C-alpha atoms as a PDB file:
ATOM      1  CA  MET A   1     -11.807 -14.067 -19.480  1.00  0.00           C
ATOM      2  CA  ARG A   2     -10.348 -17.266 -18.170  1.00  0.00           C
ATOM      3  CA  ILE A   3     -12.661 -19.446 -20.483  1.00  0.00           C
ATOM      4  CA  PHE A   4     -11.421 -17.235 -23.529  1.00  0.00           C
ATOM      5  CA  ILE A   5      -7.919 -17.963 -22.623  1.00  0.00           C
ATOM      6  CA  HIS A   6      -8.442 -21.560 -22.397  1.00  0.00           C
ATOM      7  CA  ILE A   7     -10.431 -21.555 -25.726  1.00  0.00           C
ATOM      8  CA  ILE A   8      -7.379 -19.769 -27.284  1.00  0.00           C
ATOM      9  CA  SER A   9      -5.030 -22.464 -25.746  1.00  0.00           C
ATOM     10  CA  ALA A  10      -7.153 -25.236 -27.232  1.00  0.00           C
ATOM     11  CA  PHE A  11      -7.175 -23.926 -30.765  1.00  0.00           C
ATOM     12  CA  GLY A  12      -3.547 -23.259 -30.564  1.00  0.00           C
ATOM     13  CA  ALA A  13      -2.937 -26.960 -29.711  1.00  0.00           C
ATOM     14  CA  ILE A  14      -5.336 -28.294 -32.206  1.00  0.00           C
ATOM     15  CA  ALA A  15      -3.788 -26.128 -34.986  1.00  0.00           C
ATOM     16  CA  VAL A  16      -0.485 -27.846 -34.526  1.00  0.00           C
ATOM     17  CA  PHE A  17      -1.090 -30.894 -36.630  1.00  0.00           C
ATOM     18  CA  LEU A  18      -1.829 -28.557 -39.548  1.00  0.00           C
ATOM     19  CA  ILE A  19       1.565 -27.158 -39.369  1.00  0.00           C
ATOM     20  CA  PRO A  20       4.679 -28.846 -40.743  1.00  0.00           C
ATOM     21  CA  GLY A  21       7.035 -29.966 -38.122  1.00  0.00           C
ATOM     22  CA  MET A  22       4.375 -30.996 -35.627  1.00  0.00           C
ATOM     23  CA  ASN A  23       6.729 -31.560 -32.774  1.00  0.00           C
ATOM     24  CA  LEU A  24       8.487 -28.275 -32.625  1.00  0.00           C
ATOM     25  CA  SER A  25       5.227 -26.471 -33.491  1.00  0.00           C
ATOM     26  CA  LEU A  26       3.440 -28.100 -30.632  1.00  0.00           C
ATOM     27  CA  PHE A  27       6.290 -27.108 -28.267  1.00  0.00           C
ATOM     28  CA  LEU A  28       6.041 -23.408 -29.482  1.00  0.00           C
ATOM     29  CA  TRP A  29       2.194 -23.361 -29.520  1.00  0.00           C
ATOM     30  CA  ASN A  30       2.083 -24.496 -25.923  1.00  0.00           C
ATOM     31  CA  ILE A  31       4.462 -22.012 -24.338  1.00  0.00           C
ATOM     32  CA  LEU A  32       2.122 -19.068 -25.317  1.00  0.00           C
ATOM     33  CA  PRO A  33      -0.872 -20.583 -23.843  1.00  0.00           C
ATOM     34  CA  PHE A  34       0.795 -21.540 -20.620  1.00  0.00           C
ATOM     35  CA  ALA A  35       2.513 -18.059 -20.236  1.00  0.00           C
ATOM     36  CA  THR A  36      -0.811 -16.239 -21.346  1.00  0.00           C
ATOM     37  CA  ALA A  37      -3.003 -18.175 -18.964  1.00  0.00           C
ATOM     38  CA  SER A  38      -0.581 -17.796 -16.078  1.00  0.00           C
ATOM     39  CA  GLY A  39       0.283 -14.199 -16.556  1.00  0.00           C
ATOM     40  CA  LEU A  40      -3.358 -12.850 -17.477  1.00  0.00           C
ATOM     41  CA  THR A  41      -4.790 -14.758 -14.484  1.00  0.00           C
ATOM     42  CA  GLU A  42      -2.232 -12.826 -12.192  1.00  0.00           C
ATOM     43  CA  ILE A  43      -3.570  -9.675 -13.810  1.00  0.00           C
ATOM     44  CA  ILE A  44      -7.038 -10.645 -13.316  1.00  0.00           C
ATOM     45  CA  ASN A  45      -6.485 -11.162  -9.653  1.00  0.00           C
ATOM     46  CA  ARG A  46      -4.829  -7.689  -9.430  1.00  0.00           C
ATOM     47  CA  SER A  47      -7.755  -5.798 -10.985  1.00  0.00           C
ATOM     48  CA  ARG A  48     -10.175  -7.303  -8.512  1.00  0.00           C
ATOM     49  CA  ASP A  49      -8.542  -5.993  -5.407  1.00  0.00           C
ATOM     50  CA  SER A  50      -6.683  -2.680  -5.382  1.00  0.00           C
ATOM     51  CA  SER A  51      -5.100  -3.569  -2.044  1.00  0.00           C
ATOM     52  CA  SER A  52      -3.059  -6.269  -3.982  1.00  0.00           C
ATOM     53  CA  GLN A  53      -0.766  -6.970  -1.120  1.00  0.00           C
ATOM     54  CA  LYS A  54      -3.643  -8.618   0.833  1.00  0.00           C
ATOM     55  CA  ILE A  55      -3.897 -11.494  -1.562  1.00  0.00           C
ATOM     56  CA  PRO A  56      -1.867 -14.297   0.134  1.00  0.00           C
ATOM     57  CA  PHE A  57       1.048 -15.351  -1.848  1.00  0.00           C
ATOM     58  CA  SER A  58      -0.138 -19.122  -1.376  1.00  0.00           C
ATOM     59  CA  LEU A  59      -3.289 -18.595  -3.116  1.00  0.00           C
ATOM     60  CA  LYS A  60      -1.632 -16.793  -6.028  1.00  0.00           C
ATOM     61  CA  MET A  61       0.677 -19.773  -6.446  1.00  0.00           C
ATOM     62  CA  CYS A  62      -2.159 -22.253  -6.376  1.00  0.00           C
ATOM     63  CA  ASN A  63      -4.053 -20.105  -8.955  1.00  0.00           C
ATOM     64  CA  ILE A  64      -0.997 -20.055 -11.337  1.00  0.00           C
ATOM     65  CA  CYS A  65      -0.231 -23.881 -10.815  1.00  0.00           C
ATOM     66  CA  GLY A  66      -4.051 -24.658 -11.179  1.00  0.00           C
ATOM     67  CA  VAL A  67      -4.219 -22.853 -14.524  1.00  0.00           C
ATOM     68  CA  THR A  68      -0.948 -24.456 -15.688  1.00  0.00           C
ATOM     69  CA  GLY A  69      -2.139 -27.915 -14.626  1.00  0.00           C
ATOM     70  CA  PHE A  70      -5.520 -27.371 -16.406  1.00  0.00           C
ATOM     71  CA  ASN A  71      -3.675 -26.385 -19.690  1.00  0.00           C
ATOM     72  CA  PHE A  72      -1.270 -29.320 -19.432  1.00  0.00           C
ATOM     73  CA  LEU A  73      -4.228 -31.884 -19.099  1.00  0.00           C
ATOM     74  CA  GLN A  74      -5.917 -30.149 -21.833  1.00  0.00           C
ATOM     75  CA  SER A  75      -2.841 -30.372 -24.040  1.00  0.00           C
ATOM     76  CA  PHE A  76      -2.527 -34.117 -23.073  1.00  0.00           C
ATOM     77  CA  PHE A  77      -5.927 -35.008 -24.071  1.00  0.00           C
ATOM     78  CA  ILE A  78      -5.365 -33.115 -27.465  1.00  0.00           C
ATOM     79  CA  THR A  79      -2.242 -35.032 -27.872  1.00  0.00           C
ATOM     80  CA  ALA A  80      -4.200 -38.208 -27.505  1.00  0.00           C
ATOM     81  CA  TRP A  81      -6.576 -37.030 -29.923  1.00  0.00           C
ATOM     82  CA  ILE A  82      -3.738 -36.223 -32.538  1.00  0.00           C
ATOM     83  CA  THR A  83      -2.340 -39.647 -31.823  1.00  0.00           C
ATOM     84  CA  ASP A  84      -5.509 -41.357 -32.760  1.00  0.00           C
ATOM     85  CA  PHE A  85      -5.511 -39.251 -35.925  1.00  0.00           C
ATOM     86  CA  SER A  86      -1.950 -40.342 -36.790  1.00  0.00           C
ATOM     87  CA  ARG A  87      -2.802 -43.999 -36.040  1.00  0.00           C
ATOM     88  CA  ILE A  88      -5.465 -43.984 -38.686  1.00  0.00           C
ATOM     89  CA  LYS A  89      -3.102 -42.428 -41.275  1.00  0.00           C
ATOM     90  CA  THR A  90       0.243 -43.906 -40.558  1.00  0.00           C
ATOM     91  CA  GLY A  91      -0.093 -46.895 -38.345  1.00  0.00           C
ATOM     92  CA  ALA A  92       0.466 -47.823 -34.735  1.00  0.00           C
ATOM     93  CA  SER A  93       4.319 -47.527 -34.680  1.00  0.00           C
ATOM     94  CA  THR A  94       4.330 -43.812 -35.415  1.00  0.00           C
ATOM     95  CA  ALA A  95       1.323 -43.184 -33.139  1.00  0.00           C
ATOM     96  CA  SER A  96       3.339 -44.868 -30.293  1.00  0.00           C
ATOM     97  CA  LEU A  97       6.251 -42.593 -30.818  1.00  0.00           C
ATOM     98  CA  ALA A  98       3.913 -39.599 -31.005  1.00  0.00           C
ATOM     99  CA  PHE A  99       2.283 -40.518 -27.770  1.00  0.00           C
ATOM    100  CA  ILE A 100       5.631 -40.705 -25.884  1.00  0.00           C
ATOM    101  CA  PHE A 101       7.391 -37.644 -27.229  1.00  0.00           C
ATOM    102  CA  ILE A 102       4.543 -35.117 -27.751  1.00  0.00           C
ATOM    103  CA  PRO A 103       3.425 -35.178 -23.930  1.00  0.00           C
ATOM    104  CA  ALA A 104       7.201 -34.693 -23.209  1.00  0.00           C
ATOM    105  CA  TYR A 105       7.344 -31.756 -25.319  1.00  0.00           C
ATOM    106  CA  SER A 106       4.088 -30.385 -23.663  1.00  0.00           C
ATOM    107  CA  LEU A 107       5.538 -30.959 -20.108  1.00  0.00           C
ATOM    108  CA  THR A 108       8.666 -29.035 -20.984  1.00  0.00           C
ATOM    109  CA  ALA A 109       6.518 -26.245 -22.354  1.00  0.00           C
ATOM    110  CA  GLY A 110       4.396 -26.298 -19.505  1.00  0.00           C
ATOM    111  CA  ILE A 111       7.325 -25.858 -17.143  1.00  0.00           C
ATOM    112  CA  ILE A 112       8.770 -23.041 -19.224  1.00  0.00           C
ATOM    113  CA  GLY A 113       5.273 -21.375 -19.497  1.00  0.00           C
ATOM    114  CA  SER A 114       4.603 -21.560 -15.804  1.00  0.00           C
ATOM    115  CA  LEU A 115       7.927 -20.064 -15.062  1.00  0.00           C
ATOM    116  CA  ILE A 116       7.266 -17.119 -17.555  1.00  0.00           C
ATOM    117  CA  GLY A 117       3.894 -16.715 -15.941  1.00  0.00           C
ATOM    118  CA  PHE A 118       5.486 -16.789 -12.500  1.00  0.00           C
ATOM    119  CA  ALA A 119       7.932 -14.048 -13.673  1.00  0.00           C
ATOM    120  CA  ILE A 120       4.969 -11.847 -14.899  1.00  0.00           C
ATOM    121  CA  GLY A 121       3.517 -12.252 -11.384  1.00  0.00           C
ATOM    122  CA  ILE A 122       6.651 -11.201  -9.683  1.00  0.00           C
ATOM    123  CA  ILE A 123       7.039  -8.121 -11.985  1.00  0.00           C
ATOM    124  CA  ILE A 124       3.450  -7.099 -11.254  1.00  0.00           C
ATOM    125  CA  GLU A 125       4.041  -7.846  -7.431  1.00  0.00           C
ATOM    126  CA  LYS A 126       7.121  -5.575  -7.272  1.00  0.00           C
ATOM    127  CA  ASN A 127       5.632  -2.709  -9.355  1.00  0.00           C
ATOM    128  CA  THR A 128       2.387  -2.793  -7.196  1.00  0.00           C
ATOM    129  CA  TYR A 129       4.417  -2.450  -3.876  1.00  0.00           C
ATOM    130  CA  LYS A 130       6.693   0.228  -5.378  1.00  0.00           C
ATOM    131  CA  ARG A 131       3.796   2.366  -6.491  1.00  0.00           C
ATOM    132  CA  GLU A 132       2.227   2.024  -3.130  1.00  0.00           C
ATOM    133  CA  LYS A 133       5.478   2.980  -1.245  1.00  0.00           C
ATOM    134  CA  ILE A 134       5.919   5.892  -3.469  1.00  0.00           C
ATOM    135  CA  VAL A 135       2.645   7.197  -2.336  1.00  0.00           C
ATOM    136  CA  LYS A 136       2.931   6.398   1.379  1.00  0.00           C
ATOM    137  CA  ASN A 137       6.567   7.345   1.889  1.00  0.00           C
ATOM    138  CA  THR A 138       7.197  10.446  -0.189  1.00  0.00           C
ATOM    139  CA  GLY A 139       6.880  12.871   2.649  1.00  0.00           C
ATOM    140  CA  SER A 140       9.836  14.171   4.505  1.00  0.00           C
ATOM    141  CA  ARG A 141      10.510  15.229   8.087  1.00  0.00           C
ATOM    142  CA  ASN A 142       9.278  18.876   8.831  1.00  0.00           C
ATOM    143  CA  GLU A 143      11.707  21.597   9.597  1.00  0.00           C
ATOM    144  CA  LYS A 144      11.743  21.258  13.432  1.00  0.00           C
ATOM    145  CA  GLU A 145      12.481  17.498  13.207  1.00  0.00           C
ATOM    146  CA  GLN A 146      15.421  18.266  10.745  1.00  0.00           C
ATOM    147  CA  LYS A 147      16.868  20.760  13.242  1.00  0.00           C
ATOM    148  CA  ILE A 148      16.607  18.143  16.186  1.00  0.00           C
ATOM    149  CA  SER A 149      18.367  15.743  13.867  1.00  0.00           C
ATOM    150  CA  ARG A 150      21.213  18.178  12.906  1.00  0.00           C
ATOM    151  CA  GLN A 151      21.727  19.084  16.487  1.00  0.00           C
ATOM    152  CA  ALA A 152      21.980  15.260  17.378  1.00  0.00           C
ATOM    153  CA  ILE A 153      24.575  14.630  14.606  1.00  0.00           C
ATOM    154  CA  SER A 154      26.881  17.323  16.004  1.00  0.00           C
ATOM    155  CA  ASN A 155      26.923  15.760  19.390  1.00  0.00           C
ATOM    156  CA  LYS A 156      27.406  12.123  18.507  1.00  0.00           C
ATOM    157  CA  ASN A 157      29.329  10.183  15.923  1.00  0.00           C
ATOM    158  CA  PHE A 158      26.817   7.694  14.493  1.00  0.00           C
ATOM    159  CA  THR A 159      27.453   4.728  12.405  1.00  0.00           C
ATOM    160  CA  ASP A 160      27.111   5.553   8.890  1.00  0.00           C
ATOM    161  CA  GLU A 161      25.013   2.581   7.862  1.00  0.00           C
ATOM    162  CA  ILE A 162      24.662  -1.193   8.812  1.00  0.00           C
ATOM    163  CA  SER A 163      23.573  -3.819   6.331  1.00  0.00           C
ATOM    164  CA  ILE A 164      22.749  -7.468   7.432  1.00  0.00           C
ATOM    165  CA  ARG A 165      21.556 -10.482   5.532  1.00  0.00           C
ATOM    166  CA  GLY A 166      18.841 -12.653   6.869  1.00  0.00           C
ATOM    167  CA  GLY A 167      15.373 -13.838   6.366  1.00  0.00           C
ATOM    168  CA  ALA A 168      12.036 -11.964   6.850  1.00  0.00           C
ATOM    169  CA  ARG A 169       8.218 -12.661   7.413  1.00  0.00           C
ATOM    170  CA  THR A 170       5.567 -10.281   6.552  1.00  0.00           C
ATOM    171  CA  GLY A 171       1.893 -11.402   6.696  1.00  0.00           C
ATOM    172  CA  LEU A 172       1.635 -14.954   5.292  1.00  0.00           C
ATOM    173  CA  PHE A 173       4.869 -14.588   3.267  1.00  0.00           C
ATOM    174  CA  ASN A 174       8.172 -15.971   4.725  1.00  0.00           C
ATOM    175  CA  VAL A 175      11.590 -16.044   3.265  1.00  0.00           C
ATOM    176  CA  THR A 176      14.621 -17.901   4.786  1.00  0.00           C
ATOM    177  CA  PHE A 177      18.362 -16.706   4.881  1.00  0.00           C
ATOM    178  CA  PRO A 178      19.804 -15.182   2.831  1.00  0.00           C
ATOM    179  CA  PHE A 179      16.744 -13.854   0.696  1.00  0.00           C
ATOM    180  CA  ALA A 180      16.261 -10.682   2.863  1.00  0.00           C
ATOM    181  CA  LYS A 181      18.491  -7.723   3.708  1.00  0.00           C
ATOM    182  CA  LEU A 182      18.264  -5.139   6.393  1.00  0.00           C
ATOM    183  CA  ILE A 183      19.869  -1.812   5.733  1.00  0.00           C
ATOM    184  CA  ILE A 184      19.725   0.976   8.361  1.00  0.00           C
ATOM    185  CA  SER A 185      20.929   4.417   8.418  1.00  0.00           C
ATOM    186  CA  GLN A 186      20.255   7.555  10.235  1.00  0.00           C
ATOM    187  CA  ASN A 187      17.437   8.625   7.863  1.00  0.00           C
ATOM    188  CA  LYS A 188      15.902   5.377   7.173  1.00  0.00           C
ATOM    189  CA  LEU A 189      15.335   1.685   7.744  1.00  0.00           C
ATOM    190  CA  GLU A 190      15.113  -0.474   4.587  1.00  0.00           C
ATOM    191  CA  LEU A 191      14.270  -4.092   4.357  1.00  0.00           C
ATOM    192  CA  ASN A 192      14.718  -5.776   1.078  1.00  0.00           C
ATOM    193  CA  ILE A 193      12.740  -8.955   0.668  1.00  0.00           C
ATOM    194  CA  PHE A 194      13.150 -11.369  -2.436  1.00  0.00           C
ATOM    195  CA  ILE A 195      10.148 -11.119  -4.665  1.00  0.00           C
ATOM    196  CA  LEU A 196       8.086  -8.528  -2.530  1.00  0.00           C
ATOM    197  CA  GLY A 197      10.780  -5.798  -2.955  1.00  0.00           C
ATOM    198  CA  LYS A 198      11.654  -3.091  -0.616  1.00  0.00           C
ATOM    199  CA  PHE A 199       9.989  -1.863   2.627  1.00  0.00           C
ATOM    200  CA  ILE A 200      11.167   1.666   3.544  1.00  0.00           C
ATOM    201  CA  PHE A 201      10.524   3.261   6.823  1.00  0.00           C
ATOM    202  CA  SER A 202      11.429   6.665   8.302  1.00  0.00           C
ATOM    203  CA  SER A 203      11.877   7.209  12.002  1.00  0.00           C
ATOM    204  CA  LYS A 204       8.396   8.514  12.266  1.00  0.00           C
ATOM    205  CA  ASP A 205       7.100   5.158  10.728  1.00  0.00           C
ATOM    206  CA  VAL A 206       8.569   2.871  13.247  1.00  0.00           C
ATOM    207  CA  ILE A 207       6.745   2.628  16.690  1.00  0.00           C
ATOM    208  CA  SER A 208       8.915   0.205  18.183  1.00  0.00           C
ATOM    209  CA  ILE A 209      11.572  -2.528  17.449  1.00  0.00           C
ATOM    210  CA  GLU A 210      11.596  -5.575  19.754  1.00  0.00           C
ATOM    211  CA  PRO A 211      13.643  -8.809  19.962  1.00  0.00           C
ATOM    212  CA  TYR A 212      11.605 -11.765  18.692  1.00  0.00           C
ATOM    213  CA  VAL A 213      12.632 -15.256  19.392  1.00  0.00           C
ATOM    214  CA  LEU A 214      10.568 -18.241  18.130  1.00  0.00           C
ATOM    215  CA  ILE A 215      13.373 -20.960  18.203  1.00  0.00           C
ATOM    216  CA  PRO A 216      16.708 -19.863  19.631  1.00  0.00           C
ATOM    217  CA  PHE A 217      19.355 -19.122  16.955  1.00  0.00           C
ATOM    218  CA  LEU A 218      17.260 -20.787  14.192  1.00  0.00           C
ATOM    219  CA  GLY A 219      14.151 -18.697  14.563  1.00  0.00           C
ATOM    220  CA  GLN A 220      15.185 -15.414  16.134  1.00  0.00           C
ATOM    221  CA  GLY A 221      15.365 -11.703  14.999  1.00  0.00           C
ATOM    222  CA  ILE A 222      13.655  -8.446  15.513  1.00  0.00           C
ATOM    223  CA  LYS A 223       9.963  -7.453  15.227  1.00  0.00           C
ATOM    224  CA  ILE A 224       9.173  -4.059  13.494  1.00  0.00           C
ATOM    225  CA  ASN A 225       6.124  -2.307  14.730  1.00  0.00           C
ATOM    226  CA  HIS A 226       5.048   0.541  12.471  1.00  0.00           C
ATOM    227  CA  SER A 227       2.361   2.750  11.309  1.00  0.00           C
ATOM    228  CA  VAL A 228       2.479   2.538   7.459  1.00  0.00           C
ATOM    229  CA  LYS A 229      -0.968   1.116   6.561  1.00  0.00           C
ATOM    230  CA  SER A 230       0.036  -0.184   3.266  1.00  0.00           C
ATOM    231  CA  TYR A 231       2.304  -2.791   4.858  1.00  0.00           C
ATOM    232  CA  ASP A 232       1.306  -5.781   6.808  1.00  0.00           C
ATOM    233  CA  SER A 233       1.130  -4.933  10.659  1.00  0.00           C
ATOM    234  CA  GLU A 234       3.658  -7.601  11.545  1.00  0.00           C
ATOM    235  CA  ILE A 235       7.106  -7.513   9.990  1.00  0.00           C
ATOM    236  CA  ILE A 236       9.907  -9.725  11.436  1.00  0.00           C
ATOM    237  CA  PHE A 237      13.428  -9.857  10.394  1.00  0.00           C
ATOM    238  CA  TRP A 238      15.186 -13.182  10.842  1.00  0.00           C
ATOM    239  CA  THR A 239      18.902 -13.220  11.857  1.00  0.00           C
ATOM    240  CA  PHE A 240      21.459 -15.499  13.337  1.00  0.00           C
ATOM    241  CA  ASN A 241      22.822 -12.497  15.297  1.00  0.00           C
ATOM    242  CA  ASN A 242      21.595 -11.824  18.778  1.00  0.00           C
ATOM    243  CA  PRO A 243      18.482  -9.690  18.498  1.00  0.00           C
ATOM    244  CA  GLN A 244      19.493  -7.490  21.457  1.00  0.00           C
ATOM    245  CA  GLU A 245      22.855  -6.834  19.920  1.00  0.00           C
ATOM    246  CA  LEU A 246      21.257  -5.935  16.559  1.00  0.00           C
ATOM    247  CA  ILE A 247      19.105  -3.366  18.332  1.00  0.00           C
ATOM    248  CA  GLU A 248      22.158  -1.904  20.014  1.00  0.00           C
ATOM    249  CA  LYS A 249      23.578  -1.571  16.422  1.00  0.00           C
ATOM    250  CA  ILE A 250      20.533   0.039  15.133  1.00  0.00           C
ATOM    251  CA  ASN A 251      20.685   2.585  18.108  1.00  0.00           C
ATOM    252  CA  GLU A 252      24.209   3.348  17.025  1.00  0.00           C
ATOM    253  CA  THR A 253      23.139   4.613  13.567  1.00  0.00           C
ATOM    254  CA  GLY A 254      20.954   7.293  15.189  1.00  0.00           C
ATOM    255  CA  PHE A 255      17.965   6.174  13.134  1.00  0.00           C
ATOM    256  CA  SER A 256      15.504   7.548  15.705  1.00  0.00           C
ATOM    257  CA  ASP A 257      15.822  11.023  17.210  1.00  0.00           C
ATOM    258  CA  LYS A 258      14.277   9.520  20.436  1.00  0.00           C
ATOM    259  CA  PHE A 259      17.533   7.666  21.365  1.00  0.00           C
ATOM    260  CA  TYR A 260      20.134  10.263  20.892  1.00  0.00           C
ATOM    261  CA  LYS A 261      22.352  10.622  24.008  1.00  0.00           C
ATOM    262  CA  PRO A 262      21.685  13.909  25.828  1.00  0.00           C
ATOM    263  CA  LEU A 263      23.939  16.914  25.738  1.00  0.00           C
ATOM    264  CA  ASP A 264      26.700  17.298  28.214  1.00  0.00           C
ATOM    265  CA  GLY A 265      25.502  18.719  31.610  1.00  0.00           C
ATOM    266  CA  GLN A 266      22.029  17.006  31.093  1.00  0.00           C
ATOM    267  CA  GLN A 267      20.945  13.830  32.864  1.00  0.00           C
ATOM    268  CA  LYS A 268      22.243  10.917  30.931  1.00  0.00           C
ATOM    269  CA  LYS A 269      19.846   7.916  30.547  1.00  0.00           C
ATOM    270  CA  SER A 270      20.838   4.920  28.193  1.00  0.00           C
ATOM    271  CA  PRO A 271      17.928   3.442  26.417  1.00  0.00           C
ATOM    272  CA  LYS A 272      17.114  -0.074  27.402  1.00  0.00           C
ATOM    273  CA  ILE A 273      17.504  -2.754  24.835  1.00  0.00           C
ATOM    274  CA  GLY A 274      14.223  -3.068  22.848  1.00  0.00           C
ATOM    275  CA  ASP A 275      12.686   0.109  24.473  1.00  0.00           C
ATOM    276  CA  TRP A 276      11.708   1.942  21.285  1.00  0.00           C
ATOM    277  CA  LYS A 277       8.431   3.259  22.329  1.00  0.00           C
END
């Protein structure tokens, strides 16, 4: 399949000098092969592994860049061949101009094409995660849990919702501030990560939430331990806020039934910070 893509790219570039307005034609002809090669290579990778989130993002980028680089070199050598052809017909001066401007057009087309291919990869990435999340997270709490939740609500005024900007890490993928957003309400914990999309958890999905400090202030946050098999086992939300204070805010939303305050007359025991087990 990839060889077929490269053949199409080569014939498209070779056909350029047969079309009036060679420079503009070369520019247009190169965008399509670059975008096609990058986008279809991403689709090919997807079809090889149904658990697409296991493909490291770095490898996908290397693949896209590799295909883009291959096509650019191919275009450059074809440009040199066209230059030789024009030297025979029109002389060295025209050939020199062609050798300067045509690669510039090819480089511009390569950048645009690689961005188009990367955008196609992002769309595929987000749609893949969305389908998997729908399959894994469509279930709702059973009737007993809903009764417990309603009882808890009647005995405590919870914070409606908290929303915090920060960074995030899941598996090999890491984004910095402010390309991640944590949204927590009583019913769900939602983590929006740039490119990867949304990670949604119910209180049943979350096993524990712990303070996580790699570097004070610059590399600190919370670690979400969960039971959703379609997500990476380690998900970290980076924040400039104090991790323990953030966990206190999460407790205040009533996200988990395990941390509701007991009714009056019962023994009151405040949950410890980070004690989500």
